[in-house]
N, C-alpha and C. Protein backbone atom coordinates (compact mmCIF):
# COMPACT_ATOMS: atom_id res chain seq x y z
N MET A 1 29.00 39.43 -14.11
CA MET A 1 27.61 39.25 -13.78
C MET A 1 26.75 39.68 -14.98
N ALA A 2 25.91 38.82 -15.42
CA ALA A 2 25.04 39.10 -16.56
C ALA A 2 23.76 39.77 -16.10
N ILE A 3 23.18 40.55 -16.97
CA ILE A 3 21.89 41.14 -16.65
C ILE A 3 20.82 40.27 -17.31
N VAL A 4 19.84 39.90 -16.55
CA VAL A 4 18.74 39.09 -17.06
C VAL A 4 17.51 39.99 -17.18
N LYS A 5 16.53 39.52 -17.92
CA LYS A 5 15.36 40.34 -18.19
C LYS A 5 14.64 40.76 -16.91
N SER A 6 14.58 39.89 -15.92
CA SER A 6 13.89 40.24 -14.67
C SER A 6 14.60 41.40 -13.95
N LYS A 7 15.95 41.40 -13.98
CA LYS A 7 16.69 42.51 -13.36
C LYS A 7 16.51 43.79 -14.15
N LEU A 8 16.46 43.67 -15.46
CA LEU A 8 16.24 44.84 -16.31
C LEU A 8 14.87 45.44 -16.02
N LEU A 9 13.84 44.59 -15.91
CA LEU A 9 12.50 45.07 -15.60
C LEU A 9 12.43 45.71 -14.22
N LYS A 10 13.14 45.14 -13.26
CA LYS A 10 13.17 45.71 -11.91
C LYS A 10 13.81 47.10 -11.92
N GLN A 11 14.91 47.24 -12.66
CA GLN A 11 15.59 48.53 -12.77
C GLN A 11 14.69 49.56 -13.46
N LEU A 12 14.00 49.12 -14.53
CA LEU A 12 13.09 50.03 -15.22
C LEU A 12 11.95 50.48 -14.31
N SER A 13 11.41 49.55 -13.53
CA SER A 13 10.31 49.92 -12.63
C SER A 13 10.79 50.85 -11.52
N ASN A 14 12.05 50.71 -11.08
CA ASN A 14 12.60 51.63 -10.08
C ASN A 14 12.82 53.02 -10.68
N ASN A 15 13.29 53.06 -11.93
CA ASN A 15 13.55 54.35 -12.58
C ASN A 15 12.28 55.06 -13.03
N TYR A 16 11.25 54.29 -13.37
CA TYR A 16 10.00 54.86 -13.86
C TYR A 16 8.83 54.34 -13.02
N PRO A 17 8.67 54.87 -11.81
CA PRO A 17 7.63 54.35 -10.90
C PRO A 17 6.21 54.65 -11.39
N ASN A 18 6.02 55.59 -12.32
CA ASN A 18 4.69 55.93 -12.81
C ASN A 18 4.12 54.86 -13.74
N PHE A 19 4.99 54.03 -14.32
CA PHE A 19 4.53 52.98 -15.23
C PHE A 19 4.25 51.71 -14.45
N LEU A 20 3.23 50.98 -14.87
CA LEU A 20 2.93 49.69 -14.26
C LEU A 20 3.97 48.67 -14.71
N LYS A 21 4.27 47.73 -13.83
CA LYS A 21 5.28 46.72 -14.15
C LYS A 21 4.87 45.89 -15.36
N ARG A 22 3.58 45.56 -15.47
CA ARG A 22 3.15 44.74 -16.61
C ARG A 22 3.28 45.51 -17.92
N ASP A 23 3.11 46.84 -17.88
CA ASP A 23 3.29 47.64 -19.09
C ASP A 23 4.76 47.68 -19.50
N LEU A 24 5.65 47.81 -18.51
CA LEU A 24 7.08 47.80 -18.80
C LEU A 24 7.50 46.45 -19.38
N GLU A 25 6.91 45.37 -18.84
CA GLU A 25 7.24 44.03 -19.35
C GLU A 25 6.75 43.86 -20.78
N LYS A 26 5.54 44.34 -21.07
CA LYS A 26 5.02 44.27 -22.44
C LYS A 26 5.89 45.07 -23.39
N PHE A 27 6.28 46.25 -22.97
CA PHE A 27 7.13 47.13 -23.78
C PHE A 27 8.46 46.45 -24.09
N THR A 28 9.08 45.87 -23.07
CA THR A 28 10.37 45.19 -23.24
C THR A 28 10.22 43.99 -24.18
N ASN A 29 9.15 43.21 -24.00
CA ASN A 29 8.92 42.05 -24.86
C ASN A 29 8.69 42.46 -26.31
N ILE A 30 7.96 43.54 -26.53
CA ILE A 30 7.71 44.02 -27.89
C ILE A 30 9.03 44.42 -28.56
N ILE A 31 9.87 45.14 -27.85
CA ILE A 31 11.16 45.57 -28.41
C ILE A 31 12.02 44.37 -28.78
N LEU A 32 12.14 43.42 -27.85
CA LEU A 32 12.98 42.24 -28.11
C LEU A 32 12.42 41.40 -29.26
N GLU A 33 11.10 41.25 -29.33
CA GLU A 33 10.50 40.48 -30.42
C GLU A 33 10.72 41.15 -31.77
N GLU A 34 10.61 42.48 -31.81
CA GLU A 34 10.82 43.19 -33.07
C GLU A 34 12.28 43.08 -33.53
N ILE A 35 13.21 43.10 -32.58
CA ILE A 35 14.62 42.91 -32.94
C ILE A 35 14.81 41.51 -33.51
N LYS A 36 14.22 40.49 -32.87
CA LYS A 36 14.33 39.11 -33.36
C LYS A 36 13.75 38.97 -34.76
N LYS A 37 12.55 39.55 -34.97
CA LYS A 37 11.90 39.44 -36.28
C LYS A 37 12.71 40.12 -37.38
N ALA A 38 13.26 41.29 -37.07
CA ALA A 38 14.06 42.01 -38.06
C ALA A 38 15.31 41.22 -38.42
N LEU A 39 15.98 40.64 -37.43
CA LEU A 39 17.18 39.85 -37.70
C LEU A 39 16.83 38.60 -38.49
N LYS A 40 15.68 38.00 -38.21
CA LYS A 40 15.26 36.80 -38.94
C LYS A 40 14.99 37.14 -40.41
N ARG A 41 14.49 38.35 -40.67
CA ARG A 41 14.25 38.79 -42.05
C ARG A 41 15.54 39.20 -42.75
N GLY A 42 16.65 39.23 -42.00
CA GLY A 42 17.94 39.61 -42.58
C GLY A 42 18.20 41.11 -42.55
N GLU A 43 17.39 41.84 -41.80
CA GLU A 43 17.56 43.28 -41.70
C GLU A 43 18.55 43.64 -40.60
N ARG A 44 19.06 44.84 -40.68
CA ARG A 44 19.99 45.36 -39.69
C ARG A 44 19.22 46.16 -38.65
N VAL A 45 19.59 46.03 -37.38
CA VAL A 45 18.92 46.76 -36.30
C VAL A 45 19.94 47.71 -35.69
N GLU A 46 19.61 49.00 -35.73
CA GLU A 46 20.52 50.01 -35.20
C GLU A 46 19.87 50.71 -34.01
N LEU A 47 20.53 50.65 -32.86
CA LEU A 47 20.08 51.36 -31.67
C LEU A 47 21.11 52.47 -31.41
N ARG A 48 20.74 53.68 -31.72
CA ARG A 48 21.67 54.81 -31.62
C ARG A 48 22.23 54.92 -30.21
N GLY A 49 23.53 55.09 -30.12
CA GLY A 49 24.20 55.22 -28.83
C GLY A 49 24.51 53.88 -28.19
N PHE A 50 24.04 52.79 -28.79
CA PHE A 50 24.29 51.45 -28.24
C PHE A 50 25.06 50.59 -29.22
N GLY A 51 24.49 50.36 -30.39
CA GLY A 51 25.19 49.55 -31.37
C GLY A 51 24.29 49.05 -32.48
N ILE A 52 24.87 48.19 -33.32
CA ILE A 52 24.18 47.65 -34.49
C ILE A 52 24.20 46.13 -34.42
N PHE A 53 23.03 45.52 -34.61
CA PHE A 53 22.92 44.07 -34.73
C PHE A 53 22.69 43.76 -36.21
N SER A 54 23.42 42.79 -36.73
CA SER A 54 23.20 42.35 -38.10
C SER A 54 23.47 40.85 -38.17
N THR A 55 23.08 40.25 -39.29
CA THR A 55 23.31 38.82 -39.46
C THR A 55 24.39 38.58 -40.50
N ASN A 56 25.16 37.57 -40.27
CA ASN A 56 26.16 37.10 -41.23
C ASN A 56 25.80 35.67 -41.60
N ILE A 57 26.16 35.27 -42.80
CA ILE A 57 25.92 33.88 -43.20
C ILE A 57 27.25 33.15 -43.13
N GLN A 58 27.27 32.10 -42.33
CA GLN A 58 28.46 31.26 -42.21
C GLN A 58 28.32 30.15 -43.24
N LYS A 59 29.28 30.04 -44.15
CA LYS A 59 29.21 29.08 -45.24
C LYS A 59 29.24 27.65 -44.71
N ALA A 60 28.66 26.75 -45.51
CA ALA A 60 28.73 25.33 -45.19
C ALA A 60 30.19 24.88 -45.32
N ARG A 61 30.59 23.99 -44.45
CA ARG A 61 31.98 23.55 -44.48
C ARG A 61 32.11 22.14 -43.91
N ILE A 62 33.27 21.58 -44.10
CA ILE A 62 33.56 20.28 -43.50
C ILE A 62 34.42 20.56 -42.27
N SER A 63 33.89 20.21 -41.09
CA SER A 63 34.64 20.43 -39.85
C SER A 63 35.03 19.08 -39.27
N ARG A 64 35.65 19.13 -38.12
CA ARG A 64 36.17 17.90 -37.52
C ARG A 64 35.68 17.78 -36.09
N ASN A 65 35.26 16.58 -35.72
CA ASN A 65 34.87 16.29 -34.35
C ASN A 65 36.16 16.18 -33.54
N PRO A 66 36.39 17.06 -32.56
CA PRO A 66 37.67 17.04 -31.84
C PRO A 66 37.89 15.77 -31.00
N LYS A 67 36.81 15.14 -30.60
CA LYS A 67 36.94 13.95 -29.76
C LYS A 67 37.38 12.73 -30.57
N THR A 68 36.76 12.55 -31.75
CA THR A 68 37.06 11.35 -32.55
C THR A 68 37.94 11.63 -33.76
N GLY A 69 38.03 12.90 -34.17
CA GLY A 69 38.80 13.23 -35.36
C GLY A 69 38.01 13.00 -36.65
N GLU A 70 36.77 12.58 -36.53
CA GLU A 70 35.92 12.28 -37.68
C GLU A 70 35.49 13.57 -38.37
N LYS A 71 35.44 13.57 -39.71
CA LYS A 71 34.98 14.73 -40.47
C LYS A 71 33.46 14.80 -40.42
N VAL A 72 32.95 16.02 -40.24
CA VAL A 72 31.52 16.24 -40.12
C VAL A 72 31.13 17.38 -41.05
N ASN A 73 30.02 17.20 -41.78
CA ASN A 73 29.51 18.28 -42.63
C ASN A 73 28.74 19.26 -41.76
N THR A 74 29.11 20.52 -41.82
CA THR A 74 28.42 21.57 -41.07
C THR A 74 27.65 22.40 -42.09
N PRO A 75 26.32 22.49 -41.96
CA PRO A 75 25.52 23.23 -42.94
C PRO A 75 25.69 24.75 -42.80
N GLU A 76 25.23 25.46 -43.84
CA GLU A 76 25.25 26.92 -43.80
C GLU A 76 24.30 27.40 -42.70
N LYS A 77 24.69 28.47 -42.00
CA LYS A 77 23.83 28.99 -40.93
C LYS A 77 24.04 30.49 -40.78
N LYS A 78 23.04 31.13 -40.15
CA LYS A 78 23.12 32.57 -39.88
C LYS A 78 23.69 32.77 -38.48
N THR A 79 24.51 33.79 -38.34
CA THR A 79 25.03 34.17 -37.03
C THR A 79 24.73 35.65 -36.82
N ILE A 80 24.69 36.06 -35.56
CA ILE A 80 24.43 37.46 -35.24
C ILE A 80 25.75 38.17 -35.00
N HIS A 81 25.89 39.34 -35.58
CA HIS A 81 27.08 40.16 -35.41
C HIS A 81 26.65 41.45 -34.71
N PHE A 82 27.41 41.87 -33.69
CA PHE A 82 27.12 43.10 -32.96
C PHE A 82 28.31 44.02 -33.06
N LYS A 83 28.06 45.26 -33.43
CA LYS A 83 29.11 46.27 -33.43
C LYS A 83 28.65 47.41 -32.54
N MET A 84 29.42 47.68 -31.49
CA MET A 84 29.02 48.72 -30.55
C MET A 84 29.26 50.11 -31.14
N SER A 85 28.49 51.07 -30.66
CA SER A 85 28.63 52.45 -31.13
C SER A 85 29.89 53.07 -30.52
N LYS A 86 30.32 54.15 -31.13
CA LYS A 86 31.49 54.85 -30.61
C LYS A 86 31.23 55.40 -29.21
N ASP A 87 30.00 55.85 -28.97
CA ASP A 87 29.64 56.36 -27.63
C ASP A 87 29.79 55.28 -26.57
N LEU A 88 29.26 54.09 -26.86
CA LEU A 88 29.36 52.99 -25.91
C LEU A 88 30.81 52.58 -25.71
N PHE A 89 31.57 52.55 -26.80
CA PHE A 89 32.99 52.20 -26.72
C PHE A 89 33.74 53.17 -25.80
N LYS A 90 33.47 54.46 -25.97
CA LYS A 90 34.12 55.48 -25.13
C LYS A 90 33.72 55.33 -23.67
N LYS A 91 32.44 55.06 -23.42
CA LYS A 91 31.99 54.90 -22.03
C LYS A 91 32.61 53.68 -21.37
N LEU A 92 32.75 52.60 -22.13
CA LEU A 92 33.35 51.39 -21.57
C LEU A 92 34.84 51.57 -21.29
N ASN A 93 35.53 52.29 -22.16
CA ASN A 93 36.97 52.40 -22.03
C ASN A 93 37.46 53.61 -21.25
N ASN A 94 36.62 54.63 -21.10
CA ASN A 94 37.02 55.82 -20.34
C ASN A 94 36.30 55.93 -19.02
N ASN A 95 35.50 54.92 -18.68
CA ASN A 95 34.72 54.88 -17.43
C ASN A 95 33.83 56.11 -17.26
N GLU A 96 33.26 56.57 -18.38
CA GLU A 96 32.32 57.69 -18.33
C GLU A 96 30.94 57.14 -17.96
N GLU A 97 30.09 58.00 -17.49
CA GLU A 97 28.71 57.58 -17.18
C GLU A 97 27.74 58.32 -18.02
């Protein structure tokens, strides 16, 4: 089951009833936009205790269409790489909370 932004906002509003829902939504949108902008600039985003987001450049290459077998030129593109923190790794694998 994936977590979507609406469920995240609902959980935040339950945990922090003193904040208005629209303020929590603005806060969440600002954080996500800043992460997107930093990755677009090629910067690394580190969230302590969670992980690191960075971009990798995938080189241009000649790939193959699996349906027809035809060769296709694939241009260079950026991909996102995520490396989880040791704390998150331990929590996932040792069932800690």
